[in-house]
Amino acid sequence: MKHRLTITGLIIILITLLLVPFSTTTAQQTTPSRAIVRTDFQFIRQGRVGVVHVTGADIIEVRAVFQERVHYFYQEGNDFVGLLAADMESDIAPYEMQLWIKYADGTGERIDQDIQVESGEFGRSDVTISQRLVPLLDQKVEDAEMARLFNILNRFTPERYWANSWFIAPSTDEPIGWFGTYRLFNETYWKRHTGVDVRMAIGTPIMAMADGRVMLTEMMDIRGNYTLIDHGWGIYSGYAHQSEFLVVPGQWVRQGDVIGLSGLNGRSAGAHLHWEMSVAGTWIDPETFVEMKLVTPDSTEIVEQP
């Protein structure tokens, strides 16, 4: 069961405990909370993101433990804002969110709140790839590639590089494959889809979804030629199966910049772009994330989720 505490999760929580002062109160105690917590959702679907706001006088740091992962909060005006990401593999169940709040006077408090995770309503599809690509369905190959990616995706950048505009899709073409889909490859191998596929002729320009810093341009077994961009606040975007890289690691890009050209390589049945996003160290539905409109254009104001 995904909501059971693992050894790794326990270690993360213990580390988080060390990040706040010992003079900590909890919401279960009679001491009134010094902070106001507001969520912009009633529940979070598997593989999606909810926004949490924490407001209060003299707050200097907020972190949360949710689904055995530490979520960092970032100051925006009078609020500390956190993007709470539900793992697409998690069970449909309530999960405890532990908010750890540190104040300027050296004290801290913990506020616990249950967050309901609901079904991501994922579909299924059948995919046929050539026999020469079947070795890429080996779980060891996938695990190695995920380990390479999450060595970067688990890092959190406190700056918000996407300061004045929300994210856009890297292509205006219609999707042909959706996030979270249960895929049966060659009538034998079940895999989960971590992003969205768009059919694109080889050589079609691919746009950066938002301002950010290029972290990786690398040929990978499954994703082929792959670019990974850090947008800050724990948000990353990835672009797979490219025929050509047009950026290099360390380069800063602006929203809409052409970062590469679509192609046909890696574990692919045809020319297309696979684009994906990670928030707080877990894959999330990039289409619904783009639709969130967390900031208004030409403004740094955080607004309510629709």
C-alpha atoms as a PDB file:
ATOM      1  CA  MET A   1       0.000   0.000   0.000  1.00  0.00           C
ATOM      2  CA  LYS A   2       1.436   3.341  -1.042  1.00  0.00           C
ATOM      3  CA  HIS A   3       0.295   5.208   2.065  1.00  0.00           C
ATOM      4  CA  ARG A   4       2.173   2.993   4.494  1.00  0.00           C
ATOM      5  CA  LEU A   5       5.259   4.570   5.976  1.00  0.00           C
ATOM      6  CA  THR A   6       8.483   3.198   4.523  1.00  0.00           C
ATOM      7  CA  ILE A   7      11.965   3.353   6.012  1.00  0.00           C
ATOM      8  CA  THR A   8      12.837   6.068   3.477  1.00  0.00           C
ATOM      9  CA  GLY A   9       9.752   8.042   4.428  1.00  0.00           C
ATOM     10  CA  LEU A  10      10.581   7.720   8.118  1.00  0.00           C
ATOM     11  CA  ILE A  11      14.098   9.018   7.507  1.00  0.00           C
ATOM     12  CA  ILE A  12      12.702  12.005   5.572  1.00  0.00           C
ATOM     13  CA  ILE A  13      10.305  12.844   8.395  1.00  0.00           C
ATOM     14  CA  LEU A  14      13.042  12.539  11.020  1.00  0.00           C
ATOM     15  CA  ILE A  15      15.241  14.881   9.000  1.00  0.00           C
ATOM     16  CA  THR A  16      12.356  17.329   8.738  1.00  0.00           C
ATOM     17  CA  LEU A  17      11.907  17.204  12.512  1.00  0.00           C
ATOM     18  CA  LEU A  18      15.484  18.388  12.871  1.00  0.00           C
ATOM     19  CA  LEU A  19      14.775  21.402  10.674  1.00  0.00           C
ATOM     20  CA  VAL A  20      12.441  23.077  13.173  1.00  0.00           C
ATOM     21  CA  PRO A  21      13.064  24.190  16.772  1.00  0.00           C
ATOM     22  CA  PHE A  22      12.305  21.842  19.666  1.00  0.00           C
ATOM     23  CA  SER A  23       9.837  24.392  21.096  1.00  0.00           C
ATOM     24  CA  THR A  24       7.199  23.270  18.621  1.00  0.00           C
ATOM     25  CA  THR A  25       3.456  23.133  19.187  1.00  0.00           C
ATOM     26  CA  THR A  26       0.975  21.103  17.151  1.00  0.00           C
ATOM     27  CA  ALA A  27      -2.542  21.783  15.987  1.00  0.00           C
ATOM     28  CA  GLN A  28      -3.799  19.049  18.336  1.00  0.00           C
ATOM     29  CA  GLN A  29      -2.663  21.041  21.390  1.00  0.00           C
ATOM     30  CA  THR A  30      -4.711  23.779  23.048  1.00  0.00           C
ATOM     31  CA  THR A  31      -2.242  26.491  21.976  1.00  0.00           C
ATOM     32  CA  PRO A  32      -3.871  28.526  19.192  1.00  0.00           C
ATOM     33  CA  SER A  33      -2.079  28.356  15.861  1.00  0.00           C
ATOM     34  CA  ARG A  34      -0.196  31.482  14.857  1.00  0.00           C
ATOM     35  CA  ALA A  35      -0.623  30.665  11.177  1.00  0.00           C
ATOM     36  CA  ILE A  36      -3.583  30.469   8.815  1.00  0.00           C
ATOM     37  CA  VAL A  37      -3.567  27.589   6.317  1.00  0.00           C
ATOM     38  CA  ARG A  38      -5.628  27.787   3.129  1.00  0.00           C
ATOM     39  CA  THR A  39      -5.892  25.140   0.416  1.00  0.00           C
ATOM     40  CA  ASP A  40      -7.147  25.852  -3.083  1.00  0.00           C
ATOM     41  CA  PHE A  41      -8.754  22.418  -3.468  1.00  0.00           C
ATOM     42  CA  GLN A  42     -11.166  19.969  -1.868  1.00  0.00           C
ATOM     43  CA  PHE A  43      -9.012  17.004  -2.872  1.00  0.00           C
ATOM     44  CA  ILE A  44      -6.084  16.229  -5.166  1.00  0.00           C
ATOM     45  CA  ARG A  45      -6.315  13.670  -7.919  1.00  0.00           C
ATOM     46  CA  GLN A  46      -3.512  11.175  -8.458  1.00  0.00           C
ATOM     47  CA  GLY A  47      -0.760  12.817 -10.481  1.00  0.00           C
ATOM     48  CA  ARG A  48      -2.015  16.358  -9.945  1.00  0.00           C
ATOM     49  CA  VAL A  49      -1.079  19.390  -7.901  1.00  0.00           C
ATOM     50  CA  GLY A  50      -2.853  21.399  -5.219  1.00  0.00           C
ATOM     51  CA  VAL A  51      -1.792  24.786  -3.899  1.00  0.00           C
ATOM     52  CA  VAL A  52      -1.401  25.442  -0.163  1.00  0.00           C
ATOM     53  CA  HIS A  53      -1.021  28.939   1.319  1.00  0.00           C
ATOM     54  CA  VAL A  54       0.310  29.620   4.826  1.00  0.00           C
ATOM     55  CA  THR A  55      -0.043  33.144   6.219  1.00  0.00           C
ATOM     56  CA  GLY A  56       1.070  34.541   9.562  1.00  0.00           C
ATOM     57  CA  ALA A  57       3.203  37.161  11.269  1.00  0.00           C
ATOM     58  CA  ASP A  58       6.984  36.617  11.432  1.00  0.00           C
ATOM     59  CA  ILE A  59       7.005  33.300   9.530  1.00  0.00           C
ATOM     60  CA  ILE A  60      10.450  32.656   8.087  1.00  0.00           C
ATOM     61  CA  GLU A  61      10.172  29.067   6.836  1.00  0.00           C
ATOM     62  CA  VAL A  62       7.488  26.519   5.944  1.00  0.00           C
ATOM     63  CA  ARG A  63       7.937  22.916   4.877  1.00  0.00           C
ATOM     64  CA  ALA A  64       5.473  20.055   4.587  1.00  0.00           C
ATOM     65  CA  VAL A  65       5.733  16.282   4.684  1.00  0.00           C
ATOM     66  CA  PHE A  66       3.177  14.676   2.360  1.00  0.00           C
ATOM     67  CA  GLN A  67       3.280  11.146   0.969  1.00  0.00           C
ATOM     68  CA  GLU A  68       6.738  10.631   2.463  1.00  0.00           C
ATOM     69  CA  ARG A  69       8.209  13.561   0.518  1.00  0.00           C
ATOM     70  CA  VAL A  70       9.309  16.951   1.773  1.00  0.00           C
ATOM     71  CA  HIS A  71       7.548  19.819  -0.016  1.00  0.00           C
ATOM     72  CA  TYR A  72       9.242  23.198   0.224  1.00  0.00           C
ATOM     73  CA  PHE A  73       7.195  26.377   0.518  1.00  0.00           C
ATOM     74  CA  TYR A  74       8.276  29.638  -1.047  1.00  0.00           C
ATOM     75  CA  GLN A  75       7.527  33.168   0.103  1.00  0.00           C
ATOM     76  CA  GLU A  76       5.306  35.195  -2.188  1.00  0.00           C
ATOM     77  CA  GLY A  77       4.124  38.483  -0.734  1.00  0.00           C
ATOM     78  CA  ASN A  78       2.530  37.800   2.658  1.00  0.00           C
ATOM     79  CA  ASP A  79       2.067  34.102   1.893  1.00  0.00           C
ATOM     80  CA  PHE A  80       4.238  31.035   1.898  1.00  0.00           C
ATOM     81  CA  VAL A  81       3.075  28.982  -1.081  1.00  0.00           C
ATOM     82  CA  GLY A  82       3.537  25.248  -1.532  1.00  0.00           C
ATOM     83  CA  LEU A  83       2.743  23.026  -4.500  1.00  0.00           C
ATOM     84  CA  LEU A  84       1.460  19.738  -3.098  1.00  0.00           C
ATOM     85  CA  ALA A  85       1.907  16.943  -5.640  1.00  0.00           C
ATOM     86  CA  ALA A  86       0.073  13.613  -5.333  1.00  0.00           C
ATOM     87  CA  ASP A  87       1.950  10.610  -6.692  1.00  0.00           C
ATOM     88  CA  MET A  88       0.116   9.023  -9.626  1.00  0.00           C
ATOM     89  CA  GLU A  89       0.824   5.601  -8.077  1.00  0.00           C
ATOM     90  CA  SER A  90      -0.655   6.501  -4.671  1.00  0.00           C
ATOM     91  CA  ASP A  91      -3.756   4.835  -3.266  1.00  0.00           C
ATOM     92  CA  ILE A  92      -7.099   6.599  -3.198  1.00  0.00           C
ATOM     93  CA  ALA A  93      -7.098   7.543   0.478  1.00  0.00           C
ATOM     94  CA  PRO A  94      -6.576  10.410   2.917  1.00  0.00           C
ATOM     95  CA  TYR A  95      -2.929  11.302   3.542  1.00  0.00           C
ATOM     96  CA  GLU A  96      -1.654  13.407   6.391  1.00  0.00           C
ATOM     97  CA  MET A  97       0.060  16.663   5.513  1.00  0.00           C
ATOM     98  CA  GLN A  98       2.380  17.822   8.286  1.00  0.00           C
ATOM     99  CA  LEU A  99       3.172  21.524   8.028  1.00  0.00           C
ATOM    100  CA  TRP A 100       6.317  22.612   9.873  1.00  0.00           C
ATOM    101  CA  ILE A 101       6.378  26.363  10.456  1.00  0.00           C
ATOM    102  CA  LYS A 102       9.358  28.302  11.804  1.00  0.00           C
ATOM    103  CA  TYR A 103       9.082  31.834  13.233  1.00  0.00           C
ATOM    104  CA  ALA A 104      11.563  34.682  13.517  1.00  0.00           C
ATOM    105  CA  ASP A 105      11.705  34.370  17.331  1.00  0.00           C
ATOM    106  CA  GLY A 106      13.115  30.833  17.032  1.00  0.00           C
ATOM    107  CA  THR A 107       9.888  29.021  17.886  1.00  0.00           C
ATOM    108  CA  GLY A 108       7.942  26.760  15.595  1.00  0.00           C
ATOM    109  CA  GLU A 109       4.740  24.817  15.279  1.00  0.00           C
ATOM    110  CA  ARG A 110       3.369  21.836  13.427  1.00  0.00           C
ATOM    111  CA  ILE A 111      -0.066  21.808  11.846  1.00  0.00           C
ATOM    112  CA  ASP A 112      -1.506  18.483  10.668  1.00  0.00           C
ATOM    113  CA  GLN A 113      -4.210  18.257   8.034  1.00  0.00           C
ATOM    114  CA  ASP A 114      -5.614  15.328   6.075  1.00  0.00           C
ATOM    115  CA  ILE A 115      -5.504  15.651   2.296  1.00  0.00           C
ATOM    116  CA  GLN A 116      -7.802  13.401   0.292  1.00  0.00           C
ATOM    117  CA  VAL A 117      -6.314  11.853  -2.857  1.00  0.00           C
ATOM    118  CA  GLU A 118      -8.871  10.807  -5.467  1.00  0.00           C
ATOM    119  CA  SER A 119      -8.650   8.815  -8.692  1.00  0.00           C
ATOM    120  CA  GLY A 120      -6.668  10.295 -11.555  1.00  0.00           C
ATOM    121  CA  GLU A 121      -9.195   8.640 -13.904  1.00  0.00           C
ATOM    122  CA  PHE A 122      -6.424   7.151 -16.020  1.00  0.00           C
ATOM    123  CA  GLY A 123      -7.135   5.242 -19.197  1.00  0.00           C
ATOM    124  CA  ARG A 124      -5.291   2.425 -20.957  1.00  0.00           C
ATOM    125  CA  SER A 125      -3.878   1.903 -24.411  1.00  0.00           C
ATOM    126  CA  ASP A 126      -2.058  -0.685 -26.528  1.00  0.00           C
ATOM    127  CA  VAL A 127       1.314   0.141 -28.038  1.00  0.00           C
ATOM    128  CA  THR A 128       3.339  -1.883 -30.529  1.00  0.00           C
ATOM    129  CA  ILE A 129       7.038  -1.222 -30.987  1.00  0.00           C
ATOM    130  CA  SER A 130       9.580  -2.948 -33.206  1.00  0.00           C
ATOM    131  CA  GLN A 131      11.323  -6.059 -31.904  1.00  0.00           C
ATOM    132  CA  ARG A 132      14.669  -4.289 -31.790  1.00  0.00           C
ATOM    133  CA  LEU A 133      13.228  -1.955 -29.116  1.00  0.00           C
ATOM    134  CA  VAL A 134      11.775  -4.707 -26.915  1.00  0.00           C
ATOM    135  CA  PRO A 135      14.927  -4.845 -24.708  1.00  0.00           C
ATOM    136  CA  LEU A 136      14.063  -1.271 -23.678  1.00  0.00           C
ATOM    137  CA  LEU A 137      10.966  -2.652 -21.928  1.00  0.00           C
ATOM    138  CA  ASP A 138      13.200  -4.360 -19.353  1.00  0.00           C
ATOM    139  CA  GLN A 139      12.382  -2.959 -15.916  1.00  0.00           C
ATOM    140  CA  LYS A 140      16.079  -2.628 -15.103  1.00  0.00           C
ATOM    141  CA  VAL A 141      16.498  -0.255 -18.049  1.00  0.00           C
ATOM    142  CA  GLU A 142      13.573   1.843 -16.862  1.00  0.00           C
ATOM    143  CA  ASP A 143      14.769   1.875 -13.249  1.00  0.00           C
ATOM    144  CA  ALA A 144      18.234   3.053 -14.286  1.00  0.00           C
ATOM    145  CA  GLU A 145      16.794   5.869 -16.376  1.00  0.00           C
ATOM    146  CA  MET A 146      14.464   6.962 -13.573  1.00  0.00           C
ATOM    147  CA  ALA A 147      17.356   6.969 -11.103  1.00  0.00           C
ATOM    148  CA  ARG A 148      19.323   9.221 -13.455  1.00  0.00           C
ATOM    149  CA  LEU A 149      16.421  11.652 -13.777  1.00  0.00           C
ATOM    150  CA  PHE A 150      15.379  11.752 -10.137  1.00  0.00           C
ATOM    151  CA  ASN A 151      18.936  12.512  -9.094  1.00  0.00           C
ATOM    152  CA  ILE A 152      18.032  15.923 -10.552  1.00  0.00           C
ATOM    153  CA  LEU A 153      14.247  16.041 -10.065  1.00  0.00           C
ATOM    154  CA  ASN A 154      14.567  15.638  -6.300  1.00  0.00           C
ATOM    155  CA  ARG A 155      16.515  18.900  -6.054  1.00  0.00           C
ATOM    156  CA  PHE A 156      14.618  22.048  -5.079  1.00  0.00           C
ATOM    157  CA  THR A 157      15.541  25.515  -6.334  1.00  0.00           C
ATOM    158  CA  PRO A 158      14.112  28.263  -4.082  1.00  0.00           C
ATOM    159  CA  GLU A 159      13.999  30.868  -6.852  1.00  0.00           C
ATOM    160  CA  ARG A 160      10.928  31.119  -9.051  1.00  0.00           C
ATOM    161  CA  TYR A 161      12.287  31.472 -12.576  1.00  0.00           C
ATOM    162  CA  TRP A 162       8.804  31.693 -14.137  1.00  0.00           C
ATOM    163  CA  ALA A 163       8.213  35.064 -12.458  1.00  0.00           C
ATOM    164  CA  ASN A 164       5.774  36.798 -14.777  1.00  0.00           C
ATOM    165  CA  SER A 165       3.875  34.180 -16.748  1.00  0.00           C
ATOM    166  CA  TRP A 166       2.376  30.728 -16.260  1.00  0.00           C
ATOM    167  CA  PHE A 167       3.441  27.627 -18.182  1.00  0.00           C
ATOM    168  CA  ILE A 168       2.483  26.911 -21.782  1.00  0.00           C
ATOM    169  CA  ALA A 169       2.437  23.647 -23.721  1.00  0.00           C
ATOM    170  CA  PRO A 170       5.577  23.087 -25.831  1.00  0.00           C
ATOM    171  CA  SER A 171       3.431  22.435 -28.910  1.00  0.00           C
ATOM    172  CA  THR A 172      -0.036  23.427 -30.084  1.00  0.00           C
ATOM    173  CA  ASP A 173      -0.572  20.057 -31.804  1.00  0.00           C
ATOM    174  CA  GLU A 174      -3.238  17.674 -30.503  1.00  0.00           C
ATOM    175  CA  PRO A 175      -2.094  14.991 -28.052  1.00  0.00           C
ATOM    176  CA  ILE A 176      -2.120  11.329 -29.037  1.00  0.00           C
ATOM    177  CA  GLY A 177      -1.099   9.910 -25.643  1.00  0.00           C
ATOM    178  CA  TRP A 178      -2.098  11.017 -22.175  1.00  0.00           C
ATOM    179  CA  PHE A 179      -0.505  11.185 -18.744  1.00  0.00           C
ATOM    180  CA  GLY A 180      -0.859   8.240 -16.391  1.00  0.00           C
ATOM    181  CA  THR A 181      -2.177   5.866 -19.050  1.00  0.00           C
ATOM    182  CA  TYR A 182      -1.694   2.156 -18.403  1.00  0.00           C
ATOM    183  CA  ARG A 183       0.083   1.009 -21.563  1.00  0.00           C
ATOM    184  CA  LEU A 184       0.316  -2.573 -22.770  1.00  0.00           C
ATOM    185  CA  PHE A 185       3.388  -2.886 -24.995  1.00  0.00           C
ATOM    186  CA  ASN A 186       3.412  -5.667 -27.585  1.00  0.00           C
ATOM    187  CA  GLU A 187       0.572  -7.421 -25.728  1.00  0.00           C
ATOM    188  CA  THR A 188       3.012  -8.349 -22.940  1.00  0.00           C
ATOM    189  CA  TYR A 189       4.539  -5.478 -20.930  1.00  0.00           C
ATOM    190  CA  TRP A 190       2.525  -3.054 -18.767  1.00  0.00           C
ATOM    191  CA  LYS A 191       4.013   0.428 -18.300  1.00  0.00           C
ATOM    192  CA  ARG A 192       2.778   3.779 -16.983  1.00  0.00           C
ATOM    193  CA  HIS A 193       2.974   6.892 -19.123  1.00  0.00           C
ATOM    194  CA  THR A 194       4.716   9.777 -17.338  1.00  0.00           C
ATOM    195  CA  GLY A 195       3.782  12.546 -19.756  1.00  0.00           C
ATOM    196  CA  VAL A 196       1.830  13.566 -22.848  1.00  0.00           C
ATOM    197  CA  ASP A 197       2.597  12.540 -26.431  1.00  0.00           C
ATOM    198  CA  VAL A 198       2.078  14.840 -29.409  1.00  0.00           C
ATOM    199  CA  ARG A 199       2.482  13.599 -32.988  1.00  0.00           C
ATOM    200  CA  MET A 200       5.100  15.829 -34.617  1.00  0.00           C
ATOM    201  CA  ALA A 201       6.975  15.425 -37.876  1.00  0.00           C
ATOM    202  CA  ILE A 202      10.746  15.095 -37.488  1.00  0.00           C
ATOM    203  CA  GLY A 203      12.357  18.523 -37.281  1.00  0.00           C
ATOM    204  CA  THR A 204       9.381  20.392 -35.779  1.00  0.00           C
ATOM    205  CA  PRO A 205      10.428  23.130 -33.283  1.00  0.00           C
ATOM    206  CA  ILE A 206       9.843  22.450 -29.563  1.00  0.00           C
ATOM    207  CA  MET A 207       9.213  25.410 -27.232  1.00  0.00           C
ATOM    208  CA  ALA A 208      10.304  25.881 -23.624  1.00  0.00           C
ATOM    209  CA  MET A 209       7.246  25.829 -21.373  1.00  0.00           C
ATOM    210  CA  ALA A 210       8.529  28.631 -19.112  1.00  0.00           C
ATOM    211  CA  ASP A 211      11.674  30.485 -18.137  1.00  0.00           C
ATOM    212  CA  GLY A 212      14.297  28.245 -16.595  1.00  0.00           C
ATOM    213  CA  ARG A 213      17.756  26.728 -16.630  1.00  0.00           C
ATOM    214  CA  VAL A 214      18.694  23.729 -18.755  1.00  0.00           C
ATOM    215  CA  MET A 215      19.864  20.932 -16.473  1.00  0.00           C
ATOM    216  CA  LEU A 216      20.342  18.076 -18.928  1.00  0.00           C
ATOM    217  CA  THR A 217      20.662  17.388 -22.645  1.00  0.00           C
ATOM    218  CA  GLU A 218      21.416  13.712 -23.033  1.00  0.00           C
ATOM    219  CA  MET A 219      20.701  10.630 -25.116  1.00  0.00           C
ATOM    220  CA  MET A 220      18.700   8.246 -22.910  1.00  0.00           C
ATOM    221  CA  ASP A 221      17.623   4.665 -23.592  1.00  0.00           C
ATOM    222  CA  ILE A 222      13.850   5.207 -23.353  1.00  0.00           C
ATOM    223  CA  ARG A 223      13.430   8.958 -23.861  1.00  0.00           C
ATOM    224  CA  GLY A 224      16.000   9.257 -26.625  1.00  0.00           C
ATOM    225  CA  ASN A 225      17.469  12.751 -26.985  1.00  0.00           C
ATOM    226  CA  TYR A 226      16.124  14.445 -23.872  1.00  0.00           C
ATOM    227  CA  THR A 227      16.198  17.986 -22.473  1.00  0.00           C
ATOM    228  CA  LEU A 228      15.368  18.735 -18.841  1.00  0.00           C
ATOM    229  CA  ILE A 229      14.693  22.281 -17.600  1.00  0.00           C
ATOM    230  CA  ASP A 230      14.559  23.504 -13.995  1.00  0.00           C
ATOM    231  CA  HIS A 231      11.928  26.232 -13.551  1.00  0.00           C
ATOM    232  CA  GLY A 232      12.443  26.719  -9.823  1.00  0.00           C
ATOM    233  CA  TRP A 233      10.081  25.953  -6.927  1.00  0.00           C
ATOM    234  CA  GLY A 234      10.649  22.232  -7.525  1.00  0.00           C
ATOM    235  CA  ILE A 235       9.123  22.337 -11.033  1.00  0.00           C
ATOM    236  CA  TYR A 236      10.848  20.643 -13.974  1.00  0.00           C
ATOM    237  CA  SER A 237       9.841  20.036 -17.592  1.00  0.00           C
ATOM    238  CA  GLY A 238      11.257  17.350 -19.891  1.00  0.00           C
ATOM    239  CA  TYR A 239      11.208  16.936 -23.685  1.00  0.00           C
ATOM    240  CA  ALA A 240      11.972  13.554 -25.264  1.00  0.00           C
ATOM    241  CA  HIS A 241      12.783  11.920 -28.645  1.00  0.00           C
ATOM    242  CA  GLN A 242      14.404  15.007 -30.169  1.00  0.00           C
ATOM    243  CA  SER A 243      16.274  14.897 -33.467  1.00  0.00           C
ATOM    244  CA  GLU A 244      18.445  17.846 -32.483  1.00  0.00           C
ATOM    245  CA  PHE A 245      19.375  19.754 -29.314  1.00  0.00           C
ATOM    246  CA  LEU A 246      19.388  23.549 -29.611  1.00  0.00           C
ATOM    247  CA  VAL A 247      20.414  24.276 -26.012  1.00  0.00           C
ATOM    248  CA  VAL A 248      23.149  23.097 -23.658  1.00  0.00           C
ATOM    249  CA  PRO A 249      23.248  22.365 -19.907  1.00  0.00           C
ATOM    250  CA  GLY A 250      23.581  25.524 -17.836  1.00  0.00           C
ATOM    251  CA  GLN A 251      21.921  27.691 -20.480  1.00  0.00           C
ATOM    252  CA  TRP A 252      19.082  30.006 -19.429  1.00  0.00           C
ATOM    253  CA  VAL A 253      15.983  29.913 -21.616  1.00  0.00           C
ATOM    254  CA  ARG A 254      12.878  32.061 -21.851  1.00  0.00           C
ATOM    255  CA  GLN A 255       9.321  30.866 -22.330  1.00  0.00           C
ATOM    256  CA  GLY A 256       8.690  30.073 -26.001  1.00  0.00           C
ATOM    257  CA  ASP A 257      12.370  29.704 -26.931  1.00  0.00           C
ATOM    258  CA  VAL A 258      12.978  26.840 -29.366  1.00  0.00           C
ATOM    259  CA  ILE A 259      15.030  24.336 -27.370  1.00  0.00           C
ATOM    260  CA  GLY A 260      15.143  21.462 -29.863  1.00  0.00           C
ATOM    261  CA  LEU A 261      13.565  19.707 -32.851  1.00  0.00           C
ATOM    262  CA  SER A 262      11.240  16.719 -32.640  1.00  0.00           C
ATOM    263  CA  GLY A 263      12.462  13.338 -33.766  1.00  0.00           C
ATOM    264  CA  LEU A 264      12.238   9.563 -33.604  1.00  0.00           C
ATOM    265  CA  ASN A 265      14.584   7.837 -31.187  1.00  0.00           C
ATOM    266  CA  GLY A 266      14.508   6.022 -27.878  1.00  0.00           C
ATOM    267  CA  ARG A 267      11.544   3.722 -27.119  1.00  0.00           C
ATOM    268  CA  SER A 268       9.218   5.169 -29.709  1.00  0.00           C
ATOM    269  CA  ALA A 269       6.762   3.724 -32.221  1.00  0.00           C
ATOM    270  CA  GLY A 270       6.776   6.842 -34.410  1.00  0.00           C
ATOM    271  CA  ALA A 271       7.892  10.453 -34.673  1.00  0.00           C
ATOM    272  CA  HIS A 272       6.465  12.466 -31.786  1.00  0.00           C
ATOM    273  CA  LEU A 273       7.224  14.669 -28.812  1.00  0.00           C
ATOM    274  CA  HIS A 274       6.855  13.230 -25.324  1.00  0.00           C
ATOM    275  CA  TRP A 275       6.695  16.081 -22.812  1.00  0.00           C
ATOM    276  CA  GLU A 276       6.467  15.631 -19.074  1.00  0.00           C
ATOM    277  CA  MET A 277       6.620  17.537 -15.816  1.00  0.00           C
ATOM    278  CA  SER A 278       7.736  16.826 -12.269  1.00  0.00           C
ATOM    279  CA  VAL A 279       6.709  18.786  -9.171  1.00  0.00           C
ATOM    280  CA  ALA A 280       8.189  18.137  -5.720  1.00  0.00           C
ATOM    281  CA  GLY A 281       9.912  15.002  -6.960  1.00  0.00           C
ATOM    282  CA  THR A 282       6.982  13.201  -8.588  1.00  0.00           C
ATOM    283  CA  TRP A 283       5.486  13.041 -12.098  1.00  0.00           C
ATOM    284  CA  ILE A 284       2.368  15.153 -12.559  1.00  0.00           C
ATOM    285  CA  ASP A 285      -0.183  15.637 -15.338  1.00  0.00           C
ATOM    286  CA  PRO A 286       1.348  18.423 -17.455  1.00  0.00           C
ATOM    287  CA  GLU A 287      -1.899  19.275 -19.263  1.00  0.00           C
ATOM    288  CA  THR A 288      -3.848  19.998 -16.077  1.00  0.00           C
ATOM    289  CA  PHE A 289      -0.845  21.847 -14.649  1.00  0.00           C
ATOM    290  CA  VAL A 290      -0.755  24.188 -17.645  1.00  0.00           C
ATOM    291  CA  GLU A 291      -4.495  24.813 -17.173  1.00  0.00           C
ATOM    292  CA  MET A 292      -4.103  25.810 -13.501  1.00  0.00           C
ATOM    293  CA  LYS A 293      -3.126  29.424 -14.300  1.00  0.00           C
ATOM    294  CA  LEU A 294      -1.510  29.964 -10.926  1.00  0.00           C
ATOM    295  CA  VAL A 295      -0.291  33.438 -11.847  1.00  0.00           C
ATOM    296  CA  THR A 296      -1.866  36.132 -13.973  1.00  0.00           C
ATOM    297  CA  PRO A 297       0.036  37.247 -17.097  1.00  0.00           C
ATOM    298  CA  ASP A 298       2.548  40.065 -16.483  1.00  0.00           C
ATOM    299  CA  SER A 299       2.028  39.794 -12.744  1.00  0.00           C
ATOM    300  CA  THR A 300       3.708  38.045  -9.823  1.00  0.00           C
ATOM    301  CA  GLU A 301       0.424  37.811  -7.924  1.00  0.00           C
ATOM    302  CA  ILE A 302      -0.608  34.332  -6.842  1.00  0.00           C
ATOM    303  CA  VAL A 303      -4.284  33.766  -7.629  1.00  0.00           C
ATOM    304  CA  GLU A 304      -6.827  31.125  -6.686  1.00  0.00           C
ATOM    305  CA  GLN A 305      -6.979  27.872  -8.621  1.00  0.00           C
ATOM    306  CA  PRO A 306     -10.096  27.630 -10.799  1.00  0.00           C
END
